[in-house]
Amino acid sequence: MSIQRPKVSLVLINFNYASYVGAAIKSVQIQDYQNFECLVVDNNSTDGSREIINGYQGYDSRFRFLYLDRNLNQIGALLHVLDELTGDYVTIVDSDDVLFSNYISTHVATHLAAPSDVAFTSSCVLEVDYAGTILTSGYDAFLSSTNVGLPLGKINSNSSDEKNSVTADCGVINYAAYIAPEKQGWHWSPGTANMHRLSLIRATRPQSKRAEYVGATDNYFMWLNHAISGSVTIHKPLSAYRNHDTNRFASMVSMPGLQNATMAGVNRSEIRRRDITRELVSRPEHFNSLAPGQFWRLMDAPATAVVKNRTSYYKNPNVIKLIEQNLLALISAFGENEVRENLSERMGRKVYSDLRFRAQNNIIAKMPPS
């Protein structure tokens, strides 16, 4: 019986990387896995990128090209095209990175070998310089040493016959491990190295417009979606990360403890994590339906992402304000007692009591006169 391989969507997002975007497109073209689509999105580049991208049009029907009239940044560009994608999985490709030829096939095989529909798979990367010279096997030691998951080689034996035939055909690997959603901390490589389950990306996309145009996808989707469905790490480099003087790697907080982050990077990470909290408290019933009975653990995903003491996160004035603004939605979803118990445990009884008092007064103040 012929089995249809899952379709993979790749969104290659570019802004002013004329020196690198051609190599990124070529690396997608040479994949040994054929069932994919690639949407190349240019974020209103001004450096000649569009001329280079134009040179690839018309040669491969799996590629589409979109030129935006303003820079939406990475997460904004993804959200702009999200409903146009037709794959089962999606990778957001940075236009200064390159994929190895077995990138898609290995990630798909790993998804299929996982014990459940995990949120995403994350592979190691090779770090290279602007010219493509290898600097180091980035994150290999990190992924291997920090993850305590179950090797997929043991899990794969429980797969169905049809599932096994597809994973074997794709080249299923034994050097990957499942990370349960309860496992806290950062276990993954950044950016291009990750292949996400597209349906979950759509289900958890931020609704707030202010969240749309700032920063990268990592610090929003990976913390939250792992907490919902778990993830798998692949202990093998499947892409190359280009370390050069015009990217923002050194300022991002994708891998706390492994690099020195600038204050701007720390601030961006905090904003992304508050975006997770904003989405959770404004749509509690939706997220509880995605992970039934696990809502308060989801609430802790941004709280424990970087800050070891979750209480310090919940006592942040910006976080308190978000919870206060959405307290009625939480109480409506879970009841007064459950909300009081869980928030008091996280932020302290006095902080919650003061928050509850202010929220009640705001409700009374907004009531129309009788």
Protein backbone atom coordinates (compact mmCIF):
# COMPACT_ATOMS: atom_id res chain seq x y z
CA MET A 1 0.00 0.00 0.00
CA SER A 2 1.29 3.46 -0.89
CA ILE A 3 1.58 5.73 2.14
CA GLN A 4 1.52 9.52 1.74
CA ARG A 5 4.40 11.17 3.50
CA PRO A 6 3.48 14.18 5.68
CA LYS A 7 3.75 17.53 3.97
CA VAL A 8 6.16 20.10 5.41
CA SER A 9 5.82 23.86 5.10
CA LEU A 10 8.95 25.98 5.25
CA VAL A 11 8.64 29.73 5.75
CA LEU A 12 11.92 31.38 4.79
CA ILE A 13 11.83 34.91 6.20
CA ASN A 14 14.35 37.46 4.97
CA PHE A 15 15.29 41.01 5.86
CA ASN A 16 18.42 42.57 4.35
CA TYR A 17 20.39 39.33 4.07
CA ALA A 18 21.26 39.63 0.39
CA SER A 19 24.63 37.99 1.08
CA TYR A 20 23.02 34.82 2.46
CA VAL A 21 19.43 34.38 1.25
CA GLY A 22 20.43 32.63 -1.98
CA ALA A 23 22.30 29.92 -0.09
CA ALA A 24 19.29 29.44 2.21
CA ILE A 25 16.94 28.95 -0.75
CA LYS A 26 19.33 26.50 -2.43
CA SER A 27 19.59 24.46 0.77
CA VAL A 28 15.80 23.99 0.71
CA GLN A 29 15.83 23.01 -2.97
CA ILE A 30 18.28 20.12 -2.44
CA GLN A 31 16.32 18.36 0.31
CA ASP A 32 16.14 14.58 -0.02
CA TYR A 33 12.50 14.75 1.13
CA GLN A 34 10.22 15.86 -1.69
CA ASN A 35 6.81 16.57 -0.13
CA PHE A 36 7.29 20.16 0.99
CA GLU A 37 6.30 23.71 0.15
CA CYS A 38 8.47 26.76 0.76
CA LEU A 39 7.13 30.27 1.11
CA VAL A 40 9.89 32.88 0.82
CA VAL A 41 8.82 36.07 2.59
CA ASP A 42 10.84 39.25 2.20
CA ASN A 43 10.29 41.77 5.00
CA ASN A 44 10.69 44.90 2.81
CA SER A 45 14.47 44.53 2.34
CA THR A 46 16.45 47.49 1.01
CA ASP A 47 19.80 45.81 0.28
CA GLY A 48 19.21 44.02 -3.03
CA SER A 49 17.70 40.89 -1.46
CA ARG A 50 14.65 41.06 -3.70
CA GLU A 51 16.70 40.93 -6.88
CA ILE A 52 18.44 37.79 -5.63
CA ILE A 53 15.16 36.18 -4.54
CA ASN A 54 13.57 37.03 -7.90
CA GLY A 55 16.22 34.90 -9.58
CA TYR A 56 14.73 31.77 -8.04
CA GLN A 57 11.16 32.30 -9.24
CA GLY A 58 9.71 29.96 -11.83
CA TYR A 59 12.14 27.05 -11.37
CA ASP A 60 10.38 24.98 -8.69
CA SER A 61 6.61 24.82 -8.24
CA ARG A 62 7.02 24.03 -4.55
CA PHE A 63 8.27 27.59 -3.95
CA ARG A 64 6.14 30.71 -3.58
CA PHE A 65 7.36 34.26 -3.03
CA LEU A 66 5.85 37.14 -1.07
CA TYR A 67 7.21 40.68 -0.85
CA LEU A 68 5.89 42.71 2.09
CA ASP A 69 5.69 46.49 2.02
CA ARG A 70 6.89 46.79 5.63
CA ASN A 71 9.07 44.81 8.02
CA LEU A 72 6.84 42.69 10.24
CA ASN A 73 9.82 40.99 11.93
CA GLN A 74 9.90 37.21 12.16
CA ILE A 75 6.83 36.46 14.23
CA GLY A 76 4.76 39.07 12.40
CA ALA A 77 5.73 37.66 9.00
CA LEU A 78 4.85 34.13 10.15
CA LEU A 79 1.45 35.18 11.44
CA HIS A 80 0.81 37.08 8.21
CA VAL A 81 1.11 33.88 6.12
CA LEU A 82 0.13 31.24 8.67
CA ASP A 83 -3.28 30.45 7.22
CA GLU A 84 -1.84 30.05 3.71
CA LEU A 85 0.34 27.07 4.70
CA THR A 86 -0.81 23.57 3.75
CA GLY A 87 1.68 21.34 5.56
CA ASP A 88 1.44 19.09 8.59
CA TYR A 89 4.63 20.56 10.04
CA VAL A 90 6.35 23.91 9.67
CA THR A 91 9.91 25.20 10.00
CA ILE A 92 10.68 28.92 10.16
CA VAL A 93 13.94 29.28 8.24
CA ASP A 94 16.22 32.22 9.00
CA SER A 95 17.55 33.50 5.67
CA ASP A 96 21.16 33.51 6.86
CA ASP A 97 21.04 29.81 7.83
CA VAL A 98 21.30 26.72 5.62
CA LEU A 99 19.62 23.33 5.90
CA PHE A 100 21.52 20.09 5.35
CA SER A 101 19.98 17.84 2.69
CA ASN A 102 18.50 15.42 5.25
CA TYR A 103 16.98 18.14 7.44
CA ILE A 104 13.33 17.57 6.52
CA SER A 105 13.49 13.78 6.26
CA THR A 106 15.15 13.40 9.67
CA HIS A 107 12.75 15.77 11.42
CA VAL A 108 9.71 14.09 9.86
CA ALA A 109 10.98 10.64 10.84
CA THR A 110 11.51 11.88 14.39
CA HIS A 111 8.00 13.34 14.60
CA LEU A 112 6.56 10.03 13.44
CA ALA A 113 8.66 8.04 15.90
CA ALA A 114 7.59 10.14 18.90
CA PRO A 115 5.13 8.63 21.39
CA SER A 116 2.54 11.33 20.70
CA ASP A 117 1.95 14.40 18.56
CA VAL A 118 4.76 16.46 20.04
CA ALA A 119 4.84 20.22 19.65
CA PHE A 120 8.15 20.28 17.80
CA THR A 121 11.45 18.54 17.13
CA SER A 122 14.77 20.33 17.68
CA SER A 123 18.10 19.34 16.14
CA CYS A 124 21.68 20.40 16.75
CA VAL A 125 23.32 23.02 14.55
CA LEU A 126 26.75 23.69 13.19
CA GLU A 127 27.88 27.24 13.81
CA VAL A 128 29.63 28.76 10.80
CA ASP A 129 31.06 32.19 10.03
CA TYR A 130 29.92 34.60 7.32
CA ALA A 131 31.82 32.61 4.68
CA GLY A 132 30.45 29.23 5.80
CA THR A 133 33.57 28.03 7.64
CA ILE A 134 32.64 25.73 10.53
CA LEU A 135 33.26 27.25 13.94
CA THR A 136 31.77 24.65 16.29
CA SER A 137 29.10 21.98 16.61
CA GLY A 138 26.76 24.27 18.47
CA TYR A 139 24.33 22.91 21.06
CA ASP A 140 25.32 19.26 20.59
CA ALA A 141 26.76 18.92 24.08
CA PHE A 142 23.98 21.06 25.47
CA LEU A 143 21.15 18.99 24.04
CA SER A 144 22.80 15.72 25.03
CA SER A 145 23.62 16.74 28.59
CA THR A 146 20.50 18.66 29.60
CA ASN A 147 17.80 16.38 28.29
CA VAL A 148 16.67 13.46 30.37
CA GLY A 149 14.10 12.14 27.92
CA LEU A 150 13.42 8.64 26.70
CA PRO A 151 15.45 7.60 23.60
CA LEU A 152 13.20 7.29 20.58
CA GLY A 153 14.77 3.98 19.61
CA LYS A 154 12.83 2.38 22.47
CA ILE A 155 9.63 4.21 21.66
CA ASN A 156 9.69 3.37 17.96
CA SER A 157 9.14 -0.35 18.59
CA ASN A 158 5.61 0.45 19.77
CA SER A 159 4.65 2.25 16.57
CA SER A 160 2.13 0.81 14.13
CA ASP A 161 3.35 -1.12 11.09
CA GLU A 162 2.35 1.68 8.73
CA LYS A 163 4.06 4.28 10.88
CA ASN A 164 7.22 2.18 11.07
CA SER A 165 7.35 1.80 7.30
CA VAL A 166 7.25 5.55 6.79
CA THR A 167 9.81 6.31 9.47
CA ALA A 168 12.14 3.63 8.15
CA ASP A 169 11.80 4.99 4.64
CA CYS A 170 12.62 8.48 5.93
CA GLY A 171 15.61 7.17 7.86
CA VAL A 172 14.41 7.01 11.46
CA ILE A 173 17.15 7.76 13.99
CA ASN A 174 18.15 6.44 17.37
CA TYR A 175 19.88 9.56 18.64
CA ALA A 176 16.81 11.54 19.66
CA ALA A 177 14.97 11.80 22.97
CA TYR A 178 11.44 12.70 24.03
CA ILE A 179 11.10 15.56 26.54
CA ALA A 180 7.85 15.41 28.51
CA PRO A 181 5.80 18.61 28.72
CA GLU A 182 6.27 18.69 32.50
CA LYS A 183 10.03 19.06 32.06
CA GLN A 184 10.98 22.70 32.67
CA GLY A 185 13.95 24.57 31.27
CA TRP A 186 15.32 25.20 27.78
CA HIS A 187 16.32 21.97 26.00
CA TRP A 188 16.50 23.04 22.37
CA SER A 189 18.45 24.77 19.63
CA PRO A 190 17.15 28.12 18.38
CA GLY A 191 15.36 29.18 15.21
CA THR A 192 15.79 27.17 12.02
CA ALA A 193 16.70 23.98 13.91
CA ASN A 194 13.07 23.38 14.92
CA MET A 195 10.16 21.74 13.08
CA HIS A 196 6.77 22.51 14.65
CA ARG A 197 3.40 20.82 14.42
CA LEU A 198 1.51 23.36 12.34
CA SER A 199 -1.91 22.75 13.90
CA LEU A 200 -0.56 23.61 17.34
CA ILE A 201 1.16 26.76 16.07
CA ARG A 202 -2.20 27.87 14.70
CA ALA A 203 -4.01 26.96 17.94
CA THR A 204 -1.64 28.98 20.14
CA ARG A 205 -0.88 31.95 17.87
CA PRO A 206 -0.99 35.26 19.74
CA GLN A 207 -4.18 37.23 19.23
CA SER A 208 -2.85 40.50 20.60
CA LYS A 209 -1.78 42.89 17.84
CA ARG A 210 0.99 44.29 20.01
CA ALA A 211 2.55 40.84 20.14
CA GLU A 212 2.56 40.54 16.38
CA TYR A 213 5.45 42.66 15.22
CA VAL A 214 8.23 42.21 17.79
CA GLY A 215 10.95 39.60 18.04
CA ALA A 216 11.38 35.98 17.00
CA THR A 217 9.15 32.92 17.27
CA ASP A 218 11.34 30.96 19.72
CA ASN A 219 10.53 32.69 22.97
CA TYR A 220 6.80 32.54 22.35
CA PHE A 221 5.92 29.26 20.64
CA MET A 222 8.60 26.98 22.10
CA TRP A 223 8.05 27.67 25.79
CA LEU A 224 4.27 27.47 25.46
CA ASN A 225 3.85 24.62 22.98
CA HIS A 226 6.35 22.36 24.70
CA ALA A 227 4.34 22.78 27.91
CA ILE A 228 1.25 21.63 26.00
CA SER A 229 2.56 18.65 24.02
CA GLY A 230 6.22 18.01 24.80
CA SER A 231 9.10 17.97 22.33
CA VAL A 232 11.91 15.83 20.94
CA THR A 233 15.60 16.69 20.70
CA ILE A 234 17.74 15.30 17.86
CA HIS A 235 21.40 14.95 18.77
CA LYS A 236 22.73 15.51 15.30
CA PRO A 237 23.45 18.75 13.38
CA LEU A 238 20.92 19.18 10.59
CA SER A 239 21.43 22.85 9.78
CA ALA A 240 24.11 25.53 9.95
CA TYR A 241 23.71 28.72 11.95
CA ARG A 242 25.66 31.60 10.47
CA ASN A 243 27.36 33.67 13.17
CA HIS A 244 28.13 37.09 11.72
CA ASP A 245 28.20 40.73 12.70
CA THR A 246 24.75 41.65 11.38
CA ASN A 247 22.58 39.04 13.10
CA ARG A 248 21.18 39.30 16.61
CA PHE A 249 22.30 35.97 18.03
CA ALA A 250 24.45 37.47 20.77
CA SER A 251 21.58 39.65 21.95
CA MET A 252 18.90 36.95 22.03
CA VAL A 253 18.04 34.80 25.02
CA SER A 254 17.31 31.52 23.27
CA MET A 255 19.81 29.57 25.38
CA PRO A 256 20.08 31.04 28.89
CA GLY A 257 23.42 30.30 30.49
CA LEU A 258 25.20 29.51 27.22
CA GLN A 259 25.79 33.03 26.00
CA ASN A 260 26.02 36.57 27.25
CA ALA A 261 22.85 38.44 26.38
CA THR A 262 22.52 42.19 25.97
CA MET A 263 19.95 44.06 28.03
CA ALA A 264 17.93 44.54 24.83
CA GLY A 265 17.86 40.78 24.38
CA VAL A 266 16.75 40.24 27.99
CA ASN A 267 13.98 42.80 27.52
CA ARG A 268 12.76 41.12 24.33
CA SER A 269 12.65 37.77 26.09
CA GLU A 270 10.61 39.25 28.92
CA ILE A 271 8.14 40.74 26.45
CA ARG A 272 7.73 37.39 24.68
CA ARG A 273 7.12 35.59 27.97
CA ARG A 274 4.55 38.18 29.04
CA ASP A 275 2.86 37.66 25.68
CA ILE A 276 2.40 34.00 26.67
CA THR A 277 0.85 35.06 29.97
CA ARG A 278 -1.40 37.57 28.18
CA GLU A 279 -2.73 34.89 25.85
CA LEU A 280 -3.29 32.39 28.66
CA VAL A 281 -5.17 34.71 31.02
CA SER A 282 -7.27 36.27 28.24
CA ARG A 283 -8.29 32.89 26.74
CA PRO A 284 -8.15 30.41 29.66
CA GLU A 285 -10.90 28.11 28.40
CA HIS A 286 -9.23 27.79 25.00
CA PHE A 287 -5.87 26.82 26.46
CA ASN A 288 -7.42 24.51 29.02
CA SER A 289 -9.05 22.67 26.11
CA LEU A 290 -5.62 22.23 24.49
CA ALA A 291 -4.17 20.71 27.69
CA PRO A 292 -7.13 19.66 29.85
CA GLY A 293 -6.50 20.07 33.56
CA GLN A 294 -3.02 21.50 32.96
CA PHE A 295 -3.78 25.23 32.74
CA TRP A 296 -1.80 26.27 35.81
CA ARG A 297 1.23 24.33 34.62
CA LEU A 298 0.96 26.22 31.33
CA MET A 299 0.86 29.45 33.32
CA ASP A 300 4.20 28.47 34.85
CA ALA A 301 5.89 28.00 31.46
CA PRO A 302 6.90 31.67 31.08
CA ALA A 303 7.40 32.00 34.84
CA THR A 304 10.06 29.28 34.96
CA ALA A 305 11.56 29.85 31.50
CA VAL A 306 14.39 32.08 32.70
CA VAL A 307 13.47 33.03 36.26
CA LYS A 308 14.27 30.17 38.64
CA ASN A 309 11.92 31.49 41.32
CA ARG A 310 8.46 31.62 39.76
CA THR A 311 7.21 33.93 42.53
CA SER A 312 9.45 36.72 41.26
CA TYR A 313 7.80 36.45 37.83
CA TYR A 314 4.27 36.59 39.26
CA LYS A 315 5.20 39.61 41.38
CA ASN A 316 6.36 41.55 38.32
CA PRO A 317 4.06 44.62 38.11
CA ASN A 318 3.45 44.03 34.38
CA VAL A 319 2.40 40.42 35.01
CA ILE A 320 0.17 41.44 37.94
CA LYS A 321 -1.53 43.98 35.69
CA LEU A 322 -2.23 41.35 33.02
CA ILE A 323 -3.75 38.99 35.58
CA GLU A 324 -5.78 41.79 37.14
CA GLN A 325 -7.21 42.82 33.76
CA ASN A 326 -8.28 39.23 33.04
CA LEU A 327 -9.20 38.01 36.51
CA LEU A 328 -12.90 37.70 35.68
CA ALA A 329 -12.10 35.46 32.70
CA LEU A 330 -10.03 33.21 34.96
CA ILE A 331 -12.72 33.04 37.63
CA SER A 332 -15.36 32.34 34.99
CA ALA A 333 -13.28 29.46 33.63
CA PHE A 334 -12.12 27.84 36.88
CA GLY A 335 -14.14 29.27 39.75
CA GLU A 336 -13.17 31.63 42.55
CA ASN A 337 -11.68 29.00 44.86
CA GLU A 338 -9.36 27.42 42.28
CA VAL A 339 -8.13 30.79 41.04
CA ARG A 340 -7.52 32.08 44.55
CA GLU A 341 -5.67 28.91 45.57
CA ASN A 342 -3.41 28.80 42.53
CA LEU A 343 -2.60 32.49 42.26
CA SER A 344 -2.04 32.83 46.02
CA GLU A 345 0.42 29.94 45.83
CA ARG A 346 2.33 31.64 43.02
CA MET A 347 2.29 35.32 43.97
CA GLY A 348 1.54 35.23 47.67
CA ARG A 349 -1.79 35.67 49.43
CA LYS A 350 -1.38 39.39 50.08
CA VAL A 351 -0.47 40.19 46.48
CA TYR A 352 -3.44 38.18 45.24
CA SER A 353 -5.76 39.73 47.81
CA ASP A 354 -4.73 43.24 46.77
CA LEU A 355 -5.11 42.32 43.11
CA ARG A 356 -8.57 40.86 43.73
CA PHE A 357 -9.63 43.99 45.62
CA ARG A 358 -8.49 46.31 42.81
CA ALA A 359 -10.15 44.13 40.17
CA GLN A 360 -13.45 44.18 42.09
CA ASN A 361 -13.30 47.97 42.51
CA ASN A 362 -12.63 48.39 38.80
CA ILE A 363 -15.70 46.27 38.01
CA ILE A 364 -17.87 48.36 40.33
CA ALA A 365 -16.48 51.60 38.89
CA LYS A 366 -17.38 50.52 35.35
CA MET A 367 -20.95 49.51 36.21
CA PRO A 368 -23.62 51.85 34.78
CA PRO A 369 -25.59 53.85 37.33
CA SER A 370 -28.83 52.21 38.43
